[in-house]
Amino acid sequence: MASNFDFLKIDSETAELFATANMAENNYTHKDYEGVLTKVRKVAENTAHLFAERMDIDFPTHTTFHNALQTIKHHIDNKVIVDAFFDIKGHGNS
């Protein structure tokens, strides 16, 4: 069965995100919504780190997701995207 996240497999760097996103999709089909939130938060966190890497933004060794977002938000022009990352982080922590 095709996944909504197959596009992540195109790039070798985003292919790593596919497995977790696919697990979130499977959690959703099994009505495991807590599992969905956890996996989506992990995808968002890894995406933030991937973005930072591509933008040559360095983080301290043990940077939290929150601190990473605080840093990268200054490099993202679209506030809607920044807000979405913070929303995902908040729901994933619930």
N, C-alpha and C. Protein backbone atom coordinates (compact mmCIF):
# COMPACT_ATOMS: atom_id res chain seq x y z
N MET A 1 0.84 -1.17 0.00
CA MET A 1 0.00 0.00 0.00
C MET A 1 0.89 1.25 0.00
N ALA A 2 0.52 2.21 -0.80
CA ALA A 2 1.29 3.45 -0.89
C ALA A 2 1.09 4.28 0.38
N SER A 3 2.13 5.00 0.73
CA SER A 3 2.09 5.86 1.90
C SER A 3 1.95 7.31 1.46
N ASN A 4 1.34 8.11 2.30
CA ASN A 4 1.29 9.55 2.04
C ASN A 4 2.67 10.18 2.12
N PHE A 5 3.64 9.43 2.63
CA PHE A 5 4.98 9.95 2.86
C PHE A 5 6.03 9.36 1.92
N ASP A 6 5.60 8.70 0.85
CA ASP A 6 6.53 8.12 -0.11
C ASP A 6 7.50 9.14 -0.68
N PHE A 7 7.06 10.39 -0.79
CA PHE A 7 7.91 11.45 -1.35
C PHE A 7 9.19 11.64 -0.53
N LEU A 8 9.16 11.25 0.74
CA LEU A 8 10.35 11.38 1.59
C LEU A 8 11.47 10.43 1.16
N LYS A 9 11.12 9.38 0.43
CA LYS A 9 12.11 8.39 0.02
C LYS A 9 12.95 8.87 -1.17
N ILE A 10 12.56 9.97 -1.79
CA ILE A 10 13.26 10.46 -2.99
C ILE A 10 14.66 10.95 -2.65
N ASP A 11 14.80 11.65 -1.55
CA ASP A 11 16.08 12.22 -1.13
C ASP A 11 16.66 11.34 -0.02
N SER A 12 17.93 11.02 -0.12
CA SER A 12 18.53 10.12 0.88
C SER A 12 18.49 10.70 2.29
N GLU A 13 18.56 12.03 2.42
CA GLU A 13 18.52 12.64 3.76
C GLU A 13 17.11 12.60 4.35
N THR A 14 16.10 12.76 3.53
CA THR A 14 14.73 12.71 4.06
C THR A 14 14.20 11.28 4.14
N ALA A 15 14.88 10.36 3.49
CA ALA A 15 14.45 8.96 3.56
C ALA A 15 14.44 8.45 4.99
N GLU A 16 15.32 9.01 5.82
CA GLU A 16 15.34 8.61 7.22
C GLU A 16 14.05 9.00 7.94
N LEU A 17 13.42 10.08 7.46
CA LEU A 17 12.16 10.52 8.06
C LEU A 17 11.00 9.60 7.69
N PHE A 18 11.14 8.93 6.54
CA PHE A 18 10.05 8.11 6.04
C PHE A 18 9.61 7.04 7.03
N ALA A 19 10.57 6.33 7.59
CA ALA A 19 10.22 5.21 8.48
C ALA A 19 9.35 5.69 9.64
N THR A 20 9.74 6.80 10.26
CA THR A 20 8.97 7.30 11.40
C THR A 20 7.62 7.84 10.96
N ALA A 21 7.60 8.56 9.83
CA ALA A 21 6.32 9.10 9.32
C ALA A 21 5.39 7.95 8.94
N ASN A 22 5.94 6.90 8.36
CA ASN A 22 5.14 5.75 7.98
C ASN A 22 4.58 5.05 9.22
N MET A 23 5.38 4.98 10.29
CA MET A 23 4.88 4.40 11.54
C MET A 23 3.73 5.24 12.10
N ALA A 24 3.85 6.58 11.99
CA ALA A 24 2.77 7.46 12.46
C ALA A 24 1.50 7.19 11.66
N GLU A 25 1.67 7.01 10.37
CA GLU A 25 0.52 6.70 9.50
C GLU A 25 -0.13 5.38 9.92
N ASN A 26 0.68 4.39 10.21
CA ASN A 26 0.16 3.10 10.66
C ASN A 26 -0.52 3.22 12.03
N ASN A 27 0.06 4.02 12.92
CA ASN A 27 -0.58 4.26 14.22
C ASN A 27 -1.96 4.86 14.02
N TYR A 28 -2.06 5.79 13.09
CA TYR A 28 -3.34 6.45 12.82
C TYR A 28 -4.39 5.45 12.33
N THR A 29 -3.99 4.56 11.42
CA THR A 29 -4.96 3.59 10.90
C THR A 29 -5.42 2.62 11.98
N HIS A 30 -4.60 2.45 13.02
CA HIS A 30 -4.97 1.58 14.14
C HIS A 30 -5.55 2.35 15.32
N LYS A 31 -5.87 3.62 15.08
CA LYS A 31 -6.48 4.50 16.08
C LYS A 31 -5.61 4.68 17.33
N ASP A 32 -4.30 4.57 17.14
CA ASP A 32 -3.35 4.82 18.22
C ASP A 32 -2.87 6.27 18.09
N TYR A 33 -3.71 7.19 18.52
CA TYR A 33 -3.46 8.61 18.30
C TYR A 33 -2.31 9.14 19.16
N GLU A 34 -2.10 8.56 20.30
CA GLU A 34 -0.96 8.95 21.13
C GLU A 34 0.34 8.60 20.40
N GLY A 35 0.35 7.43 19.79
CA GLY A 35 1.51 7.01 19.00
C GLY A 35 1.75 7.93 17.82
N VAL A 36 0.66 8.40 17.20
CA VAL A 36 0.76 9.35 16.08
C VAL A 36 1.47 10.61 16.55
N LEU A 37 1.01 11.18 17.67
CA LEU A 37 1.60 12.42 18.17
C LEU A 37 3.08 12.26 18.47
N THR A 38 3.43 11.15 19.07
CA THR A 38 4.84 10.91 19.41
C THR A 38 5.69 10.82 18.15
N LYS A 39 5.21 10.08 17.16
CA LYS A 39 5.98 9.90 15.93
C LYS A 39 6.06 11.20 15.12
N VAL A 40 4.95 11.93 15.05
CA VAL A 40 4.96 13.19 14.29
C VAL A 40 5.90 14.19 14.95
N ARG A 41 5.93 14.20 16.27
CA ARG A 41 6.86 15.09 16.97
C ARG A 41 8.29 14.72 16.63
N LYS A 42 8.58 13.43 16.57
CA LYS A 42 9.93 12.97 16.22
C LYS A 42 10.29 13.39 14.79
N VAL A 43 9.35 13.27 13.87
CA VAL A 43 9.60 13.70 12.49
C VAL A 43 9.87 15.21 12.46
N ALA A 44 9.08 15.98 13.20
CA ALA A 44 9.28 17.44 13.23
C ALA A 44 10.64 17.79 13.82
N GLU A 45 11.02 17.11 14.88
CA GLU A 45 12.32 17.37 15.52
C GLU A 45 13.46 17.04 14.55
N ASN A 46 13.36 15.90 13.88
CA ASN A 46 14.40 15.52 12.92
C ASN A 46 14.42 16.46 11.72
N THR A 47 13.25 16.95 11.32
CA THR A 47 13.17 17.91 10.22
C THR A 47 13.84 19.22 10.61
N ALA A 48 13.62 19.66 11.83
CA ALA A 48 14.26 20.89 12.32
C ALA A 48 15.78 20.75 12.29
N HIS A 49 16.27 19.61 12.71
CA HIS A 49 17.72 19.38 12.70
C HIS A 49 18.26 19.28 11.27
N LEU A 50 17.49 18.66 10.38
CA LEU A 50 17.89 18.58 8.98
C LEU A 50 17.92 19.98 8.35
N PHE A 51 16.92 20.80 8.66
CA PHE A 51 16.88 22.17 8.17
C PHE A 51 18.11 22.93 8.66
N ALA A 52 18.42 22.81 9.93
CA ALA A 52 19.57 23.50 10.51
C ALA A 52 20.86 23.06 9.82
N GLU A 53 20.96 21.78 9.58
CA GLU A 53 22.16 21.25 8.92
C GLU A 53 22.31 21.85 7.52
N ARG A 54 21.20 21.91 6.79
CA ARG A 54 21.24 22.46 5.42
C ARG A 54 21.51 23.97 5.41
N MET A 55 21.16 24.64 6.49
CA MET A 55 21.37 26.09 6.59
C MET A 55 22.68 26.42 7.32
N ASP A 56 23.47 25.40 7.62
CA ASP A 56 24.74 25.56 8.35
C ASP A 56 24.56 26.24 9.70
N ILE A 57 23.52 25.83 10.40
CA ILE A 57 23.25 26.32 11.75
C ILE A 57 23.76 25.27 12.73
N ASP A 58 24.64 25.67 13.61
CA ASP A 58 25.19 24.74 14.59
C ASP A 58 24.43 24.84 15.91
N PHE A 59 24.18 23.68 16.50
CA PHE A 59 23.56 23.59 17.82
C PHE A 59 24.59 23.05 18.80
N PRO A 60 24.44 23.41 20.07
CA PRO A 60 25.26 22.72 21.09
C PRO A 60 24.94 21.22 21.08
N THR A 61 25.79 20.43 21.64
CA THR A 61 25.70 18.97 21.57
C THR A 61 24.33 18.41 21.99
N HIS A 62 23.80 18.83 23.11
CA HIS A 62 22.55 18.26 23.62
C HIS A 62 21.41 19.29 23.56
N THR A 63 21.19 19.84 22.38
CA THR A 63 20.14 20.84 22.20
C THR A 63 18.77 20.18 22.26
N THR A 64 17.86 20.79 23.01
CA THR A 64 16.49 20.29 23.06
C THR A 64 15.75 20.72 21.80
N PHE A 65 14.63 20.07 21.53
CA PHE A 65 13.80 20.44 20.39
C PHE A 65 13.37 21.90 20.52
N HIS A 66 12.99 22.30 21.72
CA HIS A 66 12.56 23.68 21.95
C HIS A 66 13.68 24.67 21.61
N ASN A 67 14.88 24.40 22.09
CA ASN A 67 16.01 25.29 21.81
C ASN A 67 16.36 25.30 20.32
N ALA A 68 16.24 24.15 19.68
CA ALA A 68 16.48 24.09 18.23
C ALA A 68 15.48 24.98 17.49
N LEU A 69 14.21 24.90 17.89
CA LEU A 69 13.19 25.73 17.25
C LEU A 69 13.42 27.21 17.52
N GLN A 70 13.84 27.53 18.74
CA GLN A 70 14.15 28.93 19.07
C GLN A 70 15.26 29.47 18.16
N THR A 71 16.19 28.62 17.79
CA THR A 71 17.29 29.04 16.93
C THR A 71 16.87 29.13 15.47
N ILE A 72 16.20 28.10 14.96
CA ILE A 72 15.89 28.09 13.52
C ILE A 72 14.76 29.03 13.15
N LYS A 73 13.93 29.43 14.11
CA LYS A 73 12.80 30.30 13.76
C LYS A 73 13.26 31.62 13.16
N HIS A 74 14.47 32.02 13.46
CA HIS A 74 15.01 33.27 12.91
C HIS A 74 15.47 33.10 11.46
N HIS A 75 15.46 31.88 10.97
CA HIS A 75 15.90 31.58 9.62
C HIS A 75 14.74 31.14 8.73
N ILE A 76 13.52 31.17 9.26
CA ILE A 76 12.33 30.76 8.51
C ILE A 76 11.42 31.99 8.38
N ASP A 77 11.21 32.40 7.15
CA ASP A 77 10.42 33.61 6.91
C ASP A 77 8.92 33.43 7.17
N ASN A 78 8.42 32.23 6.95
CA ASN A 78 6.99 31.98 7.07
C ASN A 78 6.63 31.62 8.52
N LYS A 79 5.95 32.53 9.20
CA LYS A 79 5.57 32.34 10.60
C LYS A 79 4.62 31.15 10.78
N VAL A 80 3.83 30.85 9.77
CA VAL A 80 2.91 29.71 9.85
C VAL A 80 3.70 28.40 10.04
N ILE A 81 4.82 28.29 9.35
CA ILE A 81 5.66 27.10 9.48
C ILE A 81 6.25 27.02 10.88
N VAL A 82 6.75 28.13 11.35
CA VAL A 82 7.33 28.17 12.71
C VAL A 82 6.28 27.79 13.74
N ASP A 83 5.09 28.38 13.62
CA ASP A 83 4.01 28.07 14.55
C ASP A 83 3.62 26.59 14.49
N ALA A 84 3.63 26.02 13.30
CA ALA A 84 3.28 24.60 13.15
C ALA A 84 4.29 23.72 13.89
N PHE A 85 5.58 24.05 13.78
CA PHE A 85 6.60 23.30 14.51
C PHE A 85 6.35 23.37 16.02
N PHE A 86 6.07 24.56 16.52
CA PHE A 86 5.83 24.71 17.97
C PHE A 86 4.55 23.99 18.39
N ASP A 87 3.51 24.01 17.54
CA ASP A 87 2.27 23.29 17.84
C ASP A 87 2.52 21.78 17.92
N ILE A 88 3.27 21.27 16.94
CA ILE A 88 3.59 19.84 16.95
C ILE A 88 4.38 19.48 18.19
N LYS A 89 5.34 20.32 18.53
CA LYS A 89 6.16 20.06 19.73
C LYS A 89 5.26 20.01 20.97
N GLY A 90 4.35 20.94 21.07
CA GLY A 90 3.45 21.00 22.23
C GLY A 90 2.54 19.79 22.32
N HIS A 91 1.96 19.39 21.20
CA HIS A 91 1.06 18.22 21.21
C HIS A 91 1.84 16.93 21.43
N GLY A 92 3.05 16.88 20.90
CA GLY A 92 3.87 15.68 21.06
C GLY A 92 4.35 15.48 22.48
N ASN A 93 4.33 16.56 23.27
CA ASN A 93 4.75 16.48 24.67
C ASN A 93 3.60 16.12 25.60
N SER A 94 2.39 16.14 25.10
CA SER A 94 1.22 15.90 25.96
C SER A 94 1.14 14.47 26.42
